[in-house]
Amino acid sequence: MSQDVRMTAWVRGAVQQVGFRWWTRSRALEIGLLGYASNLGDGRVQVVAEGRREQCDQLLDLLRSGDTPGRVDGVTEIWGSPVGGYDGFAIR
């Protein structure tokens, strides 16, 4: 049985100012996830997604696919329980 989870991923590489957050938002909305993507001061993008584990795994696979805007050098993620409070998937 699937459960709701919260995935926080940090994407490193050339992922700022290339449309990466907008691309991530589009993919997340297609999958049906809630959350946000935001630029970090060190050049990474942080992605927080809540939904079914399978949906979050799907987004994680897309982030690592090599078919993203820019260049992804690596993705690190942690998993937790959803906290809620998201209205759609935002760009921050």
C-alpha atoms as a PDB file:
ATOM      1  CA  MET A   1       0.000   0.000   0.000  1.00  0.00           C
ATOM      2  CA  SER A   2       1.341   3.405  -0.961  1.00  0.00           C
ATOM      3  CA  GLN A   3       1.796   6.131   1.599  1.00  0.00           C
ATOM      4  CA  ASP A   4       2.238   9.872   1.393  1.00  0.00           C
ATOM      5  CA  VAL A   5       5.803  11.096   1.861  1.00  0.00           C
ATOM      6  CA  ARG A   6       7.876  14.238   1.716  1.00  0.00           C
ATOM      7  CA  MET A   7      10.978  14.232  -0.445  1.00  0.00           C
ATOM      8  CA  THR A   8      13.545  16.984  -0.195  1.00  0.00           C
ATOM      9  CA  ALA A   9      16.134  16.892  -2.968  1.00  0.00           C
ATOM     10  CA  TRP A  10      19.177  19.069  -3.587  1.00  0.00           C
ATOM     11  CA  VAL A  11      20.184  19.242  -7.234  1.00  0.00           C
ATOM     12  CA  ARG A  12      23.718  20.363  -8.028  1.00  0.00           C
ATOM     13  CA  GLY A  13      25.259  21.359 -11.347  1.00  0.00           C
ATOM     14  CA  ALA A  14      24.422  24.132 -13.812  1.00  0.00           C
ATOM     15  CA  VAL A  15      20.784  24.339 -12.713  1.00  0.00           C
ATOM     16  CA  GLN A  16      20.163  28.033 -12.089  1.00  0.00           C
ATOM     17  CA  GLN A  17      19.085  30.560 -14.740  1.00  0.00           C
ATOM     18  CA  VAL A  18      18.338  27.760 -17.246  1.00  0.00           C
ATOM     19  CA  GLY A  19      14.612  27.181 -16.557  1.00  0.00           C
ATOM     20  CA  PHE A  20      15.262  24.247 -14.230  1.00  0.00           C
ATOM     21  CA  ARG A  21      12.770  25.281 -11.550  1.00  0.00           C
ATOM     22  CA  TRP A  22      10.023  25.866 -14.152  1.00  0.00           C
ATOM     23  CA  TRP A  23      10.747  22.491 -15.762  1.00  0.00           C
ATOM     24  CA  THR A  24      10.644  20.811 -12.329  1.00  0.00           C
ATOM     25  CA  ARG A  25       7.337  22.520 -11.519  1.00  0.00           C
ATOM     26  CA  SER A  26       5.804  21.315 -14.796  1.00  0.00           C
ATOM     27  CA  ARG A  27       6.916  17.727 -14.207  1.00  0.00           C
ATOM     28  CA  ALA A  28       5.710  17.789 -10.577  1.00  0.00           C
ATOM     29  CA  LEU A  29       2.282  19.102 -11.591  1.00  0.00           C
ATOM     30  CA  GLU A  30       1.985  16.461 -14.330  1.00  0.00           C
ATOM     31  CA  ILE A  31       2.746  13.775 -11.738  1.00  0.00           C
ATOM     32  CA  GLY A  32       0.347  15.292  -9.187  1.00  0.00           C
ATOM     33  CA  LEU A  33       2.785  16.434  -6.504  1.00  0.00           C
ATOM     34  CA  LEU A  34       2.615  19.405  -4.145  1.00  0.00           C
ATOM     35  CA  GLY A  35       5.594  21.455  -2.993  1.00  0.00           C
ATOM     36  CA  TYR A  36       8.136  23.883  -4.429  1.00  0.00           C
ATOM     37  CA  ALA A  37      11.492  24.367  -6.139  1.00  0.00           C
ATOM     38  CA  SER A  38      13.852  27.126  -5.055  1.00  0.00           C
ATOM     39  CA  ASN A  39      17.319  28.388  -5.895  1.00  0.00           C
ATOM     40  CA  LEU A  40      19.911  28.190  -3.135  1.00  0.00           C
ATOM     41  CA  GLY A  41      22.749  30.658  -2.655  1.00  0.00           C
ATOM     42  CA  ASP A  42      25.390  28.022  -3.412  1.00  0.00           C
ATOM     43  CA  GLY A  43      24.087  27.325  -6.941  1.00  0.00           C
ATOM     44  CA  ARG A  44      21.948  24.292  -6.139  1.00  0.00           C
ATOM     45  CA  VAL A  45      18.186  23.956  -6.514  1.00  0.00           C
ATOM     46  CA  GLN A  46      16.162  22.582  -3.614  1.00  0.00           C
ATOM     47  CA  VAL A  47      13.068  20.586  -4.534  1.00  0.00           C
ATOM     48  CA  VAL A  48      10.469  19.755  -1.870  1.00  0.00           C
ATOM     49  CA  ALA A  49       7.710  17.425  -3.053  1.00  0.00           C
ATOM     50  CA  GLU A  50       4.846  15.759  -1.211  1.00  0.00           C
ATOM     51  CA  GLY A  51       2.627  12.981  -2.495  1.00  0.00           C
ATOM     52  CA  ARG A  52       2.662   9.217  -2.914  1.00  0.00           C
ATOM     53  CA  ARG A  53       6.072   7.544  -2.678  1.00  0.00           C
ATOM     54  CA  GLU A  54       5.776   6.329  -6.287  1.00  0.00           C
ATOM     55  CA  GLN A  55       5.094   9.871  -7.508  1.00  0.00           C
ATOM     56  CA  CYS A  56       8.091  11.279  -5.623  1.00  0.00           C
ATOM     57  CA  ASP A  57      10.288   8.467  -6.985  1.00  0.00           C
ATOM     58  CA  GLN A  58       9.106   9.367 -10.485  1.00  0.00           C
ATOM     59  CA  LEU A  59      10.105  13.021 -10.012  1.00  0.00           C
ATOM     60  CA  LEU A  60      13.462  11.970  -8.551  1.00  0.00           C
ATOM     61  CA  ASP A  61      14.098   9.769 -11.609  1.00  0.00           C
ATOM     62  CA  LEU A  62      13.275  12.728 -13.886  1.00  0.00           C
ATOM     63  CA  LEU A  63      15.663  15.001 -11.966  1.00  0.00           C
ATOM     64  CA  ARG A  64      18.421  12.436 -12.537  1.00  0.00           C
ATOM     65  CA  SER A  65      17.468  11.623 -16.151  1.00  0.00           C
ATOM     66  CA  GLY A  66      19.816  13.952 -17.992  1.00  0.00           C
ATOM     67  CA  ASP A  67      16.836  15.391 -19.903  1.00  0.00           C
ATOM     68  CA  THR A  68      16.583  18.474 -17.687  1.00  0.00           C
ATOM     69  CA  PRO A  69      17.424  22.064 -18.566  1.00  0.00           C
ATOM     70  CA  GLY A  70      21.010  22.877 -17.716  1.00  0.00           C
ATOM     71  CA  ARG A  71      23.311  20.155 -16.418  1.00  0.00           C
ATOM     72  CA  VAL A  72      22.673  18.004 -13.361  1.00  0.00           C
ATOM     73  CA  ASP A  73      25.867  16.744 -11.716  1.00  0.00           C
ATOM     74  CA  GLY A  74      24.094  15.000  -8.856  1.00  0.00           C
ATOM     75  CA  VAL A  75      20.985  14.772  -6.717  1.00  0.00           C
ATOM     76  CA  THR A  76      20.884  14.082  -2.987  1.00  0.00           C
ATOM     77  CA  GLU A  77      17.567  13.412  -1.297  1.00  0.00           C
ATOM     78  CA  ILE A  78      16.084  12.769   2.105  1.00  0.00           C
ATOM     79  CA  TRP A  79      12.667  11.324   2.911  1.00  0.00           C
ATOM     80  CA  GLY A  80      10.223  12.188   5.642  1.00  0.00           C
ATOM     81  CA  SER A  81       6.589  12.565   6.575  1.00  0.00           C
ATOM     82  CA  PRO A  82       4.487  15.158   4.742  1.00  0.00           C
ATOM     83  CA  VAL A  83       3.805  18.424   6.539  1.00  0.00           C
ATOM     84  CA  GLY A  84       1.172  19.771   4.145  1.00  0.00           C
ATOM     85  CA  GLY A  85       0.243  23.386   3.621  1.00  0.00           C
ATOM     86  CA  TYR A  86       1.142  23.499  -0.081  1.00  0.00           C
ATOM     87  CA  ASP A  87      -1.215  24.839  -2.721  1.00  0.00           C
ATOM     88  CA  GLY A  88       0.050  23.288  -5.937  1.00  0.00           C
ATOM     89  CA  PHE A  89       3.747  23.349  -6.785  1.00  0.00           C
ATOM     90  CA  ALA A  90       5.462  26.718  -6.464  1.00  0.00           C
ATOM     91  CA  ILE A  91       8.586  28.413  -7.747  1.00  0.00           C
ATOM     92  CA  ARG A  92      10.390  30.172  -4.927  1.00  0.00           C
END
